[in-house]
PDB file of N, CA and C in Angstrom:
ATOM      1  N   UNK A   1     193.699 -12.978  40.620  1.00  0.00           N
ATOM      2  CA  UNK A   1     194.787 -12.222  40.041  1.00  0.00           C
ATOM      3  C   UNK A   1     195.906 -13.183  39.640  1.00  0.00           C
ATOM      4  N   UNK A   2     196.484 -12.933  38.489  1.00  0.00           N
ATOM      5  CA  UNK A   2     197.555 -13.776  37.981  1.00  0.00           C
ATOM      6  C   UNK A   2     198.793 -12.920  37.759  1.00  0.00           C
ATOM      7  N   UNK A   3     199.943 -13.499  38.045  1.00  0.00           N
ATOM      8  CA  UNK A   3     201.216 -12.822  37.803  1.00  0.00           C
ATOM      9  C   UNK A   3     202.089 -13.788  37.030  1.00  0.00           C
ATOM     10  N   UNK A   4     202.463 -13.405  35.837  1.00  0.00           N
ATOM     11  CA  UNK A   4     203.274 -14.272  34.984  1.00  0.00           C
ATOM     12  C   UNK A   4     204.579 -13.571  34.639  1.00  0.00           C
ATOM     13  N   UNK A   5     205.634 -14.347  34.599  1.00  0.00           N
ATOM     14  CA  UNK A   5     206.940 -13.845  34.184  1.00  0.00           C
ATOM     15  C   UNK A   5     207.349 -14.571  32.916  1.00  0.00           C
ATOM     16  N   UNK A   6     207.853 -13.836  31.954  1.00  0.00           N
ATOM     17  CA  UNK A   6     208.332 -14.400  30.699  1.00  0.00           C
ATOM     18  C   UNK A   6     209.759 -13.921  30.492  1.00  0.00           C
ATOM     19  N   UNK A   7     210.685 -14.850  30.467  1.00  0.00           N
ATOM     20  CA  UNK A   7     212.091 -14.524  30.250  1.00  0.00           C
ATOM     21  C   UNK A   7     212.463 -14.923  28.827  1.00  0.00           C
ATOM     22  N   UNK A   8     212.878 -13.930  28.046  1.00  0.00           N
ATOM     23  CA  UNK A   8     213.304 -14.146  26.667  1.00  0.00           C
ATOM     24  C   UNK A   8     214.421 -13.154  26.383  1.00  0.00           C
ATOM     25  N   UNK A   9     215.385 -13.532  25.568  1.00  0.00           N
ATOM     26  CA  UNK A   9     216.436 -12.571  25.249  1.00  0.00           C
ATOM     27  C   UNK A   9     215.875 -11.411  24.434  1.00  0.00           C
ATOM     28  N   UNK A  10     216.427 -10.236  24.627  1.00  0.00           N
ATOM     29  CA  UNK A  10     215.978  -9.062  23.865  1.00  0.00           C
ATOM     30  C   UNK A  10     216.427  -9.158  22.418  1.00  0.00           C
ATOM     31  N   UNK A  11     217.559  -9.841  22.194  1.00  0.00           N
ATOM     32  CA  UNK A  11     218.043 -10.015  20.827  1.00  0.00           C
ATOM     33  C   UNK A  11     218.825 -11.318  20.732  1.00  0.00           C
ATOM     34  N   UNK A  12     218.887 -11.854  19.526  1.00  0.00           N
ATOM     35  CA  UNK A  12     219.635 -13.079  19.245  1.00  0.00           C
ATOM     36  C   UNK A  12     219.884 -13.144  17.745  1.00  0.00           C
ATOM     37  N   UNK A  13     220.823 -13.955  17.361  1.00  0.00           N
ATOM     38  CA  UNK A  13     221.132 -14.100  15.940  1.00  0.00           C
ATOM     39  C   UNK A  13     219.993 -14.837  15.238  1.00  0.00           C
ATOM     40  N   UNK A  14     219.597 -14.369  14.073  1.00  0.00           N
ATOM     41  CA  UNK A  14     218.548 -15.040  13.283  1.00  0.00           C
ATOM     42  C   UNK A  14     218.992 -16.468  12.992  1.00  0.00           C
ATOM     43  N   UNK A  15     218.116 -17.417  13.198  1.00  0.00           N
ATOM     44  CA  UNK A  15     218.415 -18.827  12.980  1.00  0.00           C
ATOM     45  C   UNK A  15     218.932 -19.546  14.203  1.00  0.00           C
ATOM     46  N   UNK A  16     219.261 -18.816  15.266  1.00  0.00           N
ATOM     47  CA  UNK A  16     219.746 -19.458  16.487  1.00  0.00           C
ATOM     48  C   UNK A  16     218.567 -19.936  17.329  1.00  0.00           C
ATOM     49  N   UNK A  17     218.843 -20.885  18.206  1.00  0.00           N
ATOM     50  CA  UNK A  17     217.824 -21.416  19.103  1.00  0.00           C
ATOM     51  C   UNK A  17     217.907 -20.651  20.418  1.00  0.00           C
ATOM     52  N   UNK A  18     216.779 -20.097  20.838  1.00  0.00           N
ATOM     53  CA  UNK A  18     216.737 -19.357  22.101  1.00  0.00           C
ATOM     54  C   UNK A  18     215.869 -20.116  23.099  1.00  0.00           C
ATOM     55  N   UNK A  19     216.227 -19.985  24.369  1.00  0.00           N
ATOM     56  CA  UNK A  19     215.436 -20.610  25.425  1.00  0.00           C
ATOM     57  C   UNK A  19     214.475 -19.580  25.994  1.00  0.00           C
ATOM     58  N   UNK A  20     213.247 -19.981  26.172  1.00  0.00           N
ATOM     59  CA  UNK A  20     212.211 -19.142  26.763  1.00  0.00           C
ATOM     60  C   UNK A  20     211.777 -19.798  28.062  1.00  0.00           C
ATOM     61  N   UNK A  21     211.623 -18.995  29.104  1.00  0.00           N
ATOM     62  CA  UNK A  21     211.202 -19.514  30.408  1.00  0.00           C
ATOM     63  C   UNK A  21     210.031 -18.693  30.906  1.00  0.00           C
ATOM     64  N   UNK A  22     209.071 -19.376  31.476  1.00  0.00           N
ATOM     65  CA  UNK A  22     207.914 -18.681  32.025  1.00  0.00           C
ATOM     66  C   UNK A  22     207.499 -19.332  33.337  1.00  0.00           C
ATOM     67  N   UNK A  23     207.068 -18.510  34.255  1.00  0.00           N
ATOM     68  CA  UNK A  23     206.483 -19.008  35.500  1.00  0.00           C
ATOM     69  C   UNK A  23     205.218 -18.209  35.760  1.00  0.00           C
ATOM     70  N   UNK A  24     204.267 -18.872  36.387  1.00  0.00           N
ATOM     71  CA  UNK A  24     202.950 -18.273  36.596  1.00  0.00           C
ATOM     72  C   UNK A  24     202.545 -18.439  38.053  1.00  0.00           C
ATOM     73  N   UNK A  25     202.172 -17.345  38.681  1.00  0.00           N
ATOM     74  CA  UNK A  25     201.629 -17.387  40.036  1.00  0.00           C
ATOM     75  C   UNK A  25     200.158 -16.993  39.940  1.00  0.00           C
ATOM     76  N   UNK A  26     199.300 -17.839  40.446  1.00  0.00           N
ATOM     77  CA  UNK A  26     197.868 -17.555  40.392  1.00  0.00           C
ATOM     78  C   UNK A  26     197.182 -18.257  41.560  1.00  0.00           C
ATOM     79  N   UNK A  27     195.973 -17.847  41.898  1.00  0.00           N
ATOM     80  CA  UNK A  27     195.250 -18.486  43.006  1.00  0.00           C
ATOM     81  C   UNK A  27     194.676 -19.823  42.558  1.00  0.00           C
ATOM     82  N   UNK A  28     195.449 -20.886  42.703  1.00  0.00           N
ATOM     83  CA  UNK A  28     195.023 -22.213  42.262  1.00  0.00           C
ATOM     84  C   UNK A  28     194.076 -22.836  43.284  1.00  0.00           C
ATOM     85  N   UNK A  29     193.047 -23.447  42.771  1.00  0.00           N
ATOM     86  CA  UNK A  29     192.108 -24.178  43.629  1.00  0.00           C
ATOM     87  C   UNK A  29     191.733 -25.464  42.911  1.00  0.00           C
ATOM     88  N   UNK A  30     191.860 -26.602  43.594  1.00  0.00           N
ATOM     89  CA  UNK A  30     191.646 -27.905  42.965  1.00  0.00           C
ATOM     90  C   UNK A  30     190.175 -28.259  42.772  1.00  0.00           C
ATOM     91  N   UNK A  31     189.294 -27.651  43.541  1.00  0.00           N
ATOM     92  CA  UNK A  31     187.888 -28.015  43.480  1.00  0.00           C
ATOM     93  C   UNK A  31     187.518 -29.116  44.460  1.00  0.00           C
ATOM     94  N   UNK A  32     188.495 -29.581  45.251  1.00  0.00           N
ATOM     95  CA  UNK A  32     188.256 -30.636  46.233  1.00  0.00           C
ATOM     96  C   UNK A  32     188.238 -30.118  47.669  1.00  0.00           C
ATOM     97  N   UNK A  33     188.683 -28.887  47.878  1.00  0.00           N
ATOM     98  CA  UNK A  33     188.707 -28.330  49.236  1.00  0.00           C
ATOM     99  C   UNK A  33     187.374 -27.679  49.567  1.00  0.00           C
ATOM    100  N   UNK A  34     187.093 -27.618  50.835  1.00  0.00           N
ATOM    101  CA  UNK A  34     185.877 -26.954  51.308  1.00  0.00           C
ATOM    102  C   UNK A  34     186.237 -25.646  51.984  1.00  0.00           C
ATOM    103  N   UNK A  35     185.383 -24.655  51.810  1.00  0.00           N
ATOM    104  CA  UNK A  35     185.580 -23.355  52.447  1.00  0.00           C
ATOM    105  C   UNK A  35     185.112 -23.392  53.882  1.00  0.00           C
ATOM    106  N   UNK A  36     185.171 -22.255  54.547  1.00  0.00           N
ATOM    107  CA  UNK A  36     184.764 -22.169  55.950  1.00  0.00           C
ATOM    108  C   UNK A  36     183.273 -22.450  56.137  1.00  0.00           C
ATOM    109  N   UNK A  37     182.490 -22.291  55.066  1.00  0.00           N
ATOM    110  CA  UNK A  37     181.059 -22.581  55.147  1.00  0.00           C
ATOM    111  C   UNK A  37     180.729 -24.039  54.819  1.00  0.00           C
ATOM    112  N   UNK A  38     181.746 -24.853  54.534  1.00  0.00           N
ATOM    113  CA  UNK A  38     181.537 -26.263  54.246  1.00  0.00           C
ATOM    114  C   UNK A  38     181.273 -26.571  52.768  1.00  0.00           C
ATOM    115  N   UNK A  39     181.116 -25.560  51.959  1.00  0.00           N
ATOM    116  CA  UNK A  39     180.869 -25.756  50.524  1.00  0.00           C
ATOM    117  C   UNK A  39     182.190 -25.962  49.779  1.00  0.00           C
ATOM    118  N   UNK A  40     182.126 -26.764  48.718  1.00  0.00           N
ATOM    119  CA  UNK A  40     183.311 -26.957  47.891  1.00  0.00           C
ATOM    120  C   UNK A  40     183.695 -25.641  47.217  1.00  0.00           C
ATOM    121  N   UNK A  41     184.974 -25.336  47.229  1.00  0.00           N
ATOM    122  CA  UNK A  41     185.475 -24.154  46.543  1.00  0.00           C
ATOM    123  C   UNK A  41     185.565 -24.456  45.051  1.00  0.00           C
ATOM    124  N   UNK A  42     185.209 -23.500  44.235  1.00  0.00           N
ATOM    125  CA  UNK A  42     185.217 -23.693  42.782  1.00  0.00           C
ATOM    126  C   UNK A  42     186.626 -23.974  42.279  1.00  0.00           C
ATOM    127  N   UNK A  43     186.735 -24.893  41.331  1.00  0.00           N
ATOM    128  CA  UNK A  43     188.024 -25.234  40.744  1.00  0.00           C
ATOM    129  C   UNK A  43     188.559 -24.044  39.940  1.00  0.00           C
ATOM    130  N   UNK A  44     189.853 -23.772  40.103  1.00  0.00           N
ATOM    131  CA  UNK A  44     190.514 -22.721  39.339  1.00  0.00           C
ATOM    132  C   UNK A  44     191.932 -23.206  39.033  1.00  0.00           C
ATOM    133  N   UNK A  45     192.089 -23.796  37.872  1.00  0.00           N
ATOM    134  CA  UNK A  45     193.372 -24.345  37.439  1.00  0.00           C
ATOM    135  C   UNK A  45     193.777 -23.738  36.107  1.00  0.00           C
ATOM    136  N   UNK A  46     195.083 -23.671  35.874  1.00  0.00           N
ATOM    137  CA  UNK A  46     195.565 -23.367  34.537  1.00  0.00           C
ATOM    138  C   UNK A  46     195.345 -24.612  33.697  1.00  0.00           C
ATOM    139  N   UNK A  47     194.830 -24.460  32.507  1.00  0.00           N
ATOM    140  CA  UNK A  47     194.520 -25.596  31.641  1.00  0.00           C
ATOM    141  C   UNK A  47     195.402 -25.693  30.418  1.00  0.00           C
ATOM    142  N   UNK A  48     195.902 -24.554  29.931  1.00  0.00           N
ATOM    143  CA  UNK A  48     196.674 -24.575  28.686  1.00  0.00           C
ATOM    144  C   UNK A  48     197.627 -23.382  28.653  1.00  0.00           C
ATOM    145  N   UNK A  49     198.793 -23.621  28.086  1.00  0.00           N
ATOM    146  CA  UNK A  49     199.777 -22.570  27.833  1.00  0.00           C
ATOM    147  C   UNK A  49     200.097 -22.634  26.346  1.00  0.00           C
ATOM    148  N   UNK A  50     200.014 -21.493  25.675  1.00  0.00           N
ATOM    149  CA  UNK A  50     200.303 -21.414  24.241  1.00  0.00           C
ATOM    150  C   UNK A  50     201.350 -20.342  24.002  1.00  0.00           C
ATOM    151  N   UNK A  51     202.357 -20.660  23.180  1.00  0.00           N
ATOM    152  CA  UNK A  51     203.391 -19.684  22.817  1.00  0.00           C
ATOM    153  C   UNK A  51     203.327 -19.457  21.315  1.00  0.00           C
ATOM    154  N   UNK A  52     203.371 -18.200  20.931  1.00  0.00           N
ATOM    155  CA  UNK A  52     203.288 -17.819  19.511  1.00  0.00           C
ATOM    156  C   UNK A  52     204.409 -16.852  19.183  1.00  0.00           C
ATOM    157  N   UNK A  53     204.890 -16.961  17.946  1.00  0.00           N
ATOM    158  CA  UNK A  53     205.835 -15.996  17.418  1.00  0.00           C
ATOM    159  C   UNK A  53     205.160 -15.337  16.235  1.00  0.00           C
ATOM    160  N   UNK A  54     204.939 -14.022  16.332  1.00  0.00           N
ATOM    161  CA  UNK A  54     204.178 -13.291  15.311  1.00  0.00           C
ATOM    162  C   UNK A  54     202.869 -14.018  14.980  1.00  0.00           C
ATOM    163  N   UNK A  55     202.130 -14.384  16.008  1.00  0.00           N
ATOM    164  CA  UNK A  55     200.813 -15.032  15.933  1.00  0.00           C
ATOM    165  C   UNK A  55     200.837 -16.456  15.368  1.00  0.00           C
ATOM    166  N   UNK A  56     202.012 -17.046  15.180  1.00  0.00           N
ATOM    167  CA  UNK A  56     202.105 -18.438  14.723  1.00  0.00           C
ATOM    168  C   UNK A  56     202.440 -19.321  15.920  1.00  0.00           C
ATOM    169  N   UNK A  57     201.559 -20.286  16.215  1.00  0.00           N
ATOM    170  CA  UNK A  57     201.739 -21.181  17.350  1.00  0.00           C
ATOM    171  C   UNK A  57     202.969 -22.062  17.136  1.00  0.00           C
ATOM    172  N   UNK A  58     203.877 -22.077  18.131  1.00  0.00           N
ATOM    173  CA  UNK A  58     205.031 -22.969  18.030  1.00  0.00           C
ATOM    174  C   UNK A  58     205.180 -23.870  19.255  1.00  0.00           C
ATOM    175  N   UNK A  59     204.420 -23.603  20.318  1.00  0.00           N
ATOM    176  CA  UNK A  59     204.460 -24.449  21.502  1.00  0.00           C
ATOM    177  C   UNK A  59     203.115 -24.374  22.199  1.00  0.00           C
ATOM    178  N   UNK A  60     202.619 -25.531  22.650  1.00  0.00           N
ATOM    179  CA  UNK A  60     201.386 -25.570  23.446  1.00  0.00           C
ATOM    180  C   UNK A  60     201.492 -26.722  24.435  1.00  0.00           C
ATOM    181  N   UNK A  61     200.955 -26.528  25.606  1.00  0.00           N
ATOM    182  CA  UNK A  61     200.934 -27.569  26.625  1.00  0.00           C
ATOM    183  C   UNK A  61     199.575 -27.565  27.298  1.00  0.00           C
ATOM    184  N   UNK A  62     198.959 -28.741  27.360  1.00  0.00           N
ATOM    185  CA  UNK A  62     197.715 -28.912  28.108  1.00  0.00           C
ATOM    186  C   UNK A  62     198.088 -29.341  29.513  1.00  0.00           C
ATOM    187  N   UNK A  63     197.601 -28.617  30.504  1.00  0.00           N
ATOM    188  CA  UNK A  63     197.929 -28.875  31.893  1.00  0.00           C
ATOM    189  C   UNK A  63     196.746 -29.561  32.576  1.00  0.00           C
ATOM    190  N   UNK A  64     197.042 -30.354  33.586  1.00  0.00           N
ATOM    191  CA  UNK A  64     196.002 -31.120  34.295  1.00  0.00           C
ATOM    192  C   UNK A  64     196.106 -30.860  35.786  1.00  0.00           C
ATOM    193  N   UNK A  65     195.231 -31.450  36.546  1.00  0.00           N
ATOM    194  CA  UNK A  65     195.119 -31.163  37.979  1.00  0.00           C
ATOM    195  C   UNK A  65     196.400 -31.455  38.756  1.00  0.00           C
ATOM    196  N   UNK A  66     197.271 -32.307  38.261  1.00  0.00           N
ATOM    197  CA  UNK A  66     198.494 -32.657  38.987  1.00  0.00           C
ATOM    198  C   UNK A  66     199.612 -31.632  38.776  1.00  0.00           C
ATOM    199  N   UNK A  67     199.373 -30.583  38.026  1.00  0.00           N
ATOM    200  CA  UNK A  67     200.404 -29.574  37.768  1.00  0.00           C
ATOM    201  C   UNK A  67     200.704 -28.813  39.058  1.00  0.00           C
ATOM    202  N   UNK A  68     201.914 -28.330  39.188  1.00  0.00           N
ATOM    203  CA  UNK A  68     202.303 -27.555  40.368  1.00  0.00           C
ATOM    204  C   UNK A  68     201.450 -26.292  40.473  1.00  0.00           C
ATOM    205  N   UNK A  69     201.320 -25.785  41.669  1.00  0.00           N
ATOM    206  CA  UNK A  69     200.482 -24.607  41.903  1.00  0.00           C
ATOM    207  C   UNK A  69     200.945 -23.403  41.088  1.00  0.00           C
ATOM    208  N   UNK A  70     202.231 -23.179  40.993  1.00  0.00           N
ATOM    209  CA  UNK A  70     202.780 -22.051  40.240  1.00  0.00           C
ATOM    210  C   UNK A  70     203.790 -22.608  39.241  1.00  0.00           C
ATOM    211  N   UNK A  71     203.311 -23.127  38.118  1.00  0.00           N
ATOM    212  CA  UNK A  71     204.199 -23.879  37.223  1.00  0.00           C
ATOM    213  C   UNK A  71     205.279 -23.034  36.556  1.00  0.00           C
ATOM    214  N   UNK A  72     206.401 -23.685  36.311  1.00  0.00           N
ATOM    215  CA  UNK A  72     207.529 -23.135  35.573  1.00  0.00           C
ATOM    216  C   UNK A  72     207.682 -23.979  34.314  1.00  0.00           C
ATOM    217  N   UNK A  73     207.747 -23.331  33.162  1.00  0.00           N
ATOM    218  CA  UNK A  73     207.934 -24.033  31.896  1.00  0.00           C
ATOM    219  C   UNK A  73     209.114 -23.418  31.160  1.00  0.00           C
ATOM    220  N   UNK A  74     209.876 -24.268  30.487  1.00  0.00           N
ATOM    221  CA  UNK A  74     210.971 -23.793  29.636  1.00  0.00           C
ATOM    222  C   UNK A  74     210.832 -24.500  28.294  1.00  0.00           C
ATOM    223  N   UNK A  75     211.025 -23.756  27.218  1.00  0.00           N
ATOM    224  CA  UNK A  75     210.929 -24.328  25.874  1.00  0.00           C
ATOM    225  C   UNK A  75     211.803 -23.503  24.949  1.00  0.00           C
ATOM    226  N   UNK A  76     211.964 -23.970  23.723  1.00  0.00           N
ATOM    227  CA  UNK A  76     212.910 -23.355  22.794  1.00  0.00           C
ATOM    228  C   UNK A  76     212.230 -22.905  21.507  1.00  0.00           C
ATOM    229  N   UNK A  77     212.864 -21.942  20.856  1.00  0.00           N
ATOM    230  CA  UNK A  77     212.394 -21.417  19.576  1.00  0.00           C
ATOM    231  C   UNK A  77     213.607 -21.131  18.706  1.00  0.00           C
ATOM    232  N   UNK A  78     213.558 -21.585  17.459  1.00  0.00           N
ATOM    233  CA  UNK A  78     214.572 -21.169  16.484  1.00  0.00           C
ATOM    234  C   UNK A  78     214.088 -19.830  15.934  1.00  0.00           C
ATOM    235  N   UNK A  79     214.818 -18.791  16.235  1.00  0.00           N
ATOM    236  CA  UNK A  79     214.400 -17.424  15.909  1.00  0.00           C
ATOM    237  C   UNK A  79     214.513 -17.179  14.403  1.00  0.00           C
ATOM    238  N   UNK A  80     213.378 -17.045  13.702  1.00  0.00           N
ATOM    239  CA  UNK A  80     213.440 -16.864  12.253  1.00  0.00           C
ATOM    240  C   UNK A  80     213.782 -15.436  11.830  1.00  0.00           C
ATOM    241  N   UNK A  81     213.363 -14.458  12.632  1.00  0.00           N
ATOM    242  CA  UNK A  81     213.509 -13.042  12.287  1.00  0.00           C
ATOM    243  C   UNK A  81     213.100 -12.237  13.522  1.00  0.00           C
ATOM    244  N   UNK A  82     213.198 -10.938  13.434  1.00  0.00           N
ATOM    245  CA  UNK A  82     212.690 -10.091  14.516  1.00  0.00           C
ATOM    246  C   UNK A  82     211.172 -10.228  14.572  1.00  0.00           C
ATOM    247  N   UNK A  83     210.617 -10.189  15.767  1.00  0.00           N
ATOM    248  CA  UNK A  83     209.166 -10.286  15.876  1.00  0.00           C
ATOM    249  C   UNK A  83     208.706 -10.304  17.315  1.00  0.00           C
ATOM    250  N   UNK A  84     207.414 -10.538  17.460  1.00  0.00           N
ATOM    251  CA  UNK A  84     206.766 -10.537  18.772  1.00  0.00           C
ATOM    252  C   UNK A  84     206.556 -11.961  19.259  1.00  0.00           C
ATOM    253  N   UNK A  85     206.966 -12.188  20.486  1.00  0.00           N
ATOM    254  CA  UNK A  85     206.751 -13.451  21.167  1.00  0.00           C
ATOM    255  C   UNK A  85     205.609 -13.228  22.153  1.00  0.00           C
ATOM    256  N   UNK A  86     204.621 -14.115  22.153  1.00  0.00           N
ATOM    257  CA  UNK A  86     203.536 -14.005  23.126  1.00  0.00           C
ATOM    258  C   UNK A  86     203.271 -15.364  23.750  1.00  0.00           C
ATOM    259  N   UNK A  87     202.990 -15.350  25.033  1.00  0.00           N
ATOM    260  CA  UNK A  87     202.623 -16.563  25.763  1.00  0.00           C
ATOM    261  C   UNK A  87     201.285 -16.291  26.414  1.00  0.00           C
ATOM    262  N   UNK A  88     200.333 -17.172  26.131  1.00  0.00           N
ATOM    263  CA  UNK A  88     198.973 -17.028  26.658  1.00  0.00           C
ATOM    264  C   UNK A  88     198.693 -18.177  27.629  1.00  0.00           C
ATOM    265  N   UNK A  89     198.102 -17.815  28.759  1.00  0.00           N
ATOM    266  CA  UNK A  89     197.741 -18.763  29.807  1.00  0.00           C
ATOM    267  C   UNK A  89     196.223 -18.819  29.865  1.00  0.00           C
ATOM    268  N   UNK A  90     195.668 -20.014  29.759  1.00  0.00           N
ATOM    269  CA  UNK A  90     194.216 -20.197  29.777  1.00  0.00           C
ATOM    270  C   UNK A  90     193.854 -21.094  30.948  1.00  0.00           C
ATOM    271  N   UNK A  91     192.736 -20.787  31.597  1.00  0.00           N
ATOM    272  CA  UNK A  91     192.348 -21.584  32.745  1.00  0.00           C
ATOM    273  C   UNK A  91     190.859 -21.640  32.949  1.00  0.00           C
ATOM    274  N   UNK A  92     190.479 -22.258  34.052  1.00  0.00           N
ATOM    275  CA  UNK A  92     189.068 -22.388  34.420  1.00  0.00           C
ATOM    276  C   UNK A  92     188.463 -21.005  34.670  1.00  0.00           C
ATOM    277  N   UNK A  93     187.162 -20.946  34.633  1.00  0.00           N
ATOM    278  CA  UNK A  93     186.381 -19.724  34.910  1.00  0.00           C
ATOM    279  C   UNK A  93     186.738 -18.594  33.955  1.00  0.00           C
ATOM    280  N   UNK A  94     187.133 -18.933  32.722  1.00  0.00           N
ATOM    281  CA  UNK A  94     187.420 -17.915  31.727  1.00  0.00           C
ATOM    282  C   UNK A  94     188.746 -17.192  31.906  1.00  0.00           C
ATOM    283  N   UNK A  95     189.644 -17.752  32.687  1.00  0.00           N
ATOM    284  CA  UNK A  95     190.939 -17.134  32.932  1.00  0.00           C
ATOM    285  C   UNK A  95     191.754 -17.071  31.640  1.00  0.00           C
ATOM    286  N   UNK A  96     192.156 -15.872  31.251  1.00  0.00           N
ATOM    287  CA  UNK A  96     193.029 -15.656  30.091  1.00  0.00           C
ATOM    288  C   UNK A  96     194.012 -14.555  30.470  1.00  0.00           C
ATOM    289  N   UNK A  97     195.296 -14.847  30.287  1.00  0.00           N
ATOM    290  CA  UNK A  97     196.339 -13.857  30.566  1.00  0.00           C
ATOM    291  C   UNK A  97     197.408 -14.012  29.493  1.00  0.00           C
ATOM    292  N   UNK A  98     197.953 -12.886  29.030  1.00  0.00           N
ATOM    293  CA  UNK A  98     198.962 -12.942  27.977  1.00  0.00           C
ATOM    294  C   UNK A  98     200.133 -12.032  28.308  1.00  0.00           C
ATOM    295  N   UNK A  99     201.331 -12.524  28.041  1.00  0.00           N
ATOM    296  CA  UNK A  99     202.562 -11.751  28.165  1.00  0.00           C
ATOM    297  C   UNK A  99     203.181 -11.664  26.773  1.00  0.00           C
ATOM    298  N   UNK A 100     203.718 -10.468  26.425  1.00  0.00           N
ATOM    299  CA  UNK A 100     204.333 -10.272  25.103  1.00  0.00           C
ATOM    300  C   UNK A 100     205.712  -9.632  25.263  1.00  0.00           C
ATOM    301  N   UNK A 101     206.627 -10.048  24.375  1.00  0.00           N
ATOM    302  CA  UNK A 101     207.971  -9.490  24.337  1.00  0.00           C
ATOM    303  C   UNK A 101     208.419  -9.376  22.887  1.00  0.00           C
ATOM    304  N   UNK A 102     209.146  -8.335  22.595  1.00  0.00           N
ATOM    305  CA  UNK A 102     209.739  -8.153  21.264  1.00  0.00           C
ATOM    306  C   UNK A 102     211.138  -8.770  21.298  1.00  0.00           C
ATOM    307  N   UNK A 103     211.464  -9.570  20.288  1.00  0.00           N
ATOM    308  CA  UNK A 103     212.784 -10.169  20.160  1.00  0.00           C
ATOM    309  C   UNK A 103     213.373  -9.699  18.833  1.00  0.00           C
ATOM    310  N   UNK A 104     214.547  -9.102  18.905  1.00  0.00           N
ATOM    311  CA  UNK A 104     215.204  -8.584  17.699  1.00  0.00           C
ATOM    312  C   UNK A 104     216.226  -9.590  17.184  1.00  0.00           C
ATOM    313  N   UNK A 105     216.173  -9.873  15.885  1.00  0.00           N
ATOM    314  CA  UNK A 105     217.160 -10.740  15.247  1.00  0.00           C
ATOM    315  C   UNK A 105     218.324  -9.876  14.787  1.00  0.00           C
ATOM    316  N   UNK A 106     219.535 -10.327  15.088  1.00  0.00           N
ATOM    317  CA  UNK A 106     220.718  -9.551  14.696  1.00  0.00           C
ATOM    318  C   UNK A 106     221.432 -10.203  13.542  1.00  0.00           C
TER     319      UNK A 106
END
């Protein structure tokens, strides 16, 4: 189970730069630990974060094993117009989670 938070302003002036913040809580597993039966636990890491505005990619980050268990990311967007902001989290074992927010340009 994954729980993601996306903080974005509900509205901002068109052409202004807005800050977007996201944090993700998920059951991270490095693939190096052993379970109670002595077998290695399957790796489960976040691998990529993608941010889109009206389906146009404007930010992407490839994450690696050294990333924090529940990463926090902050990035910026120059708001061109009203539209939909989406952040997608991709990980091992087919993990895909998406958060969406509407941002209105004033």
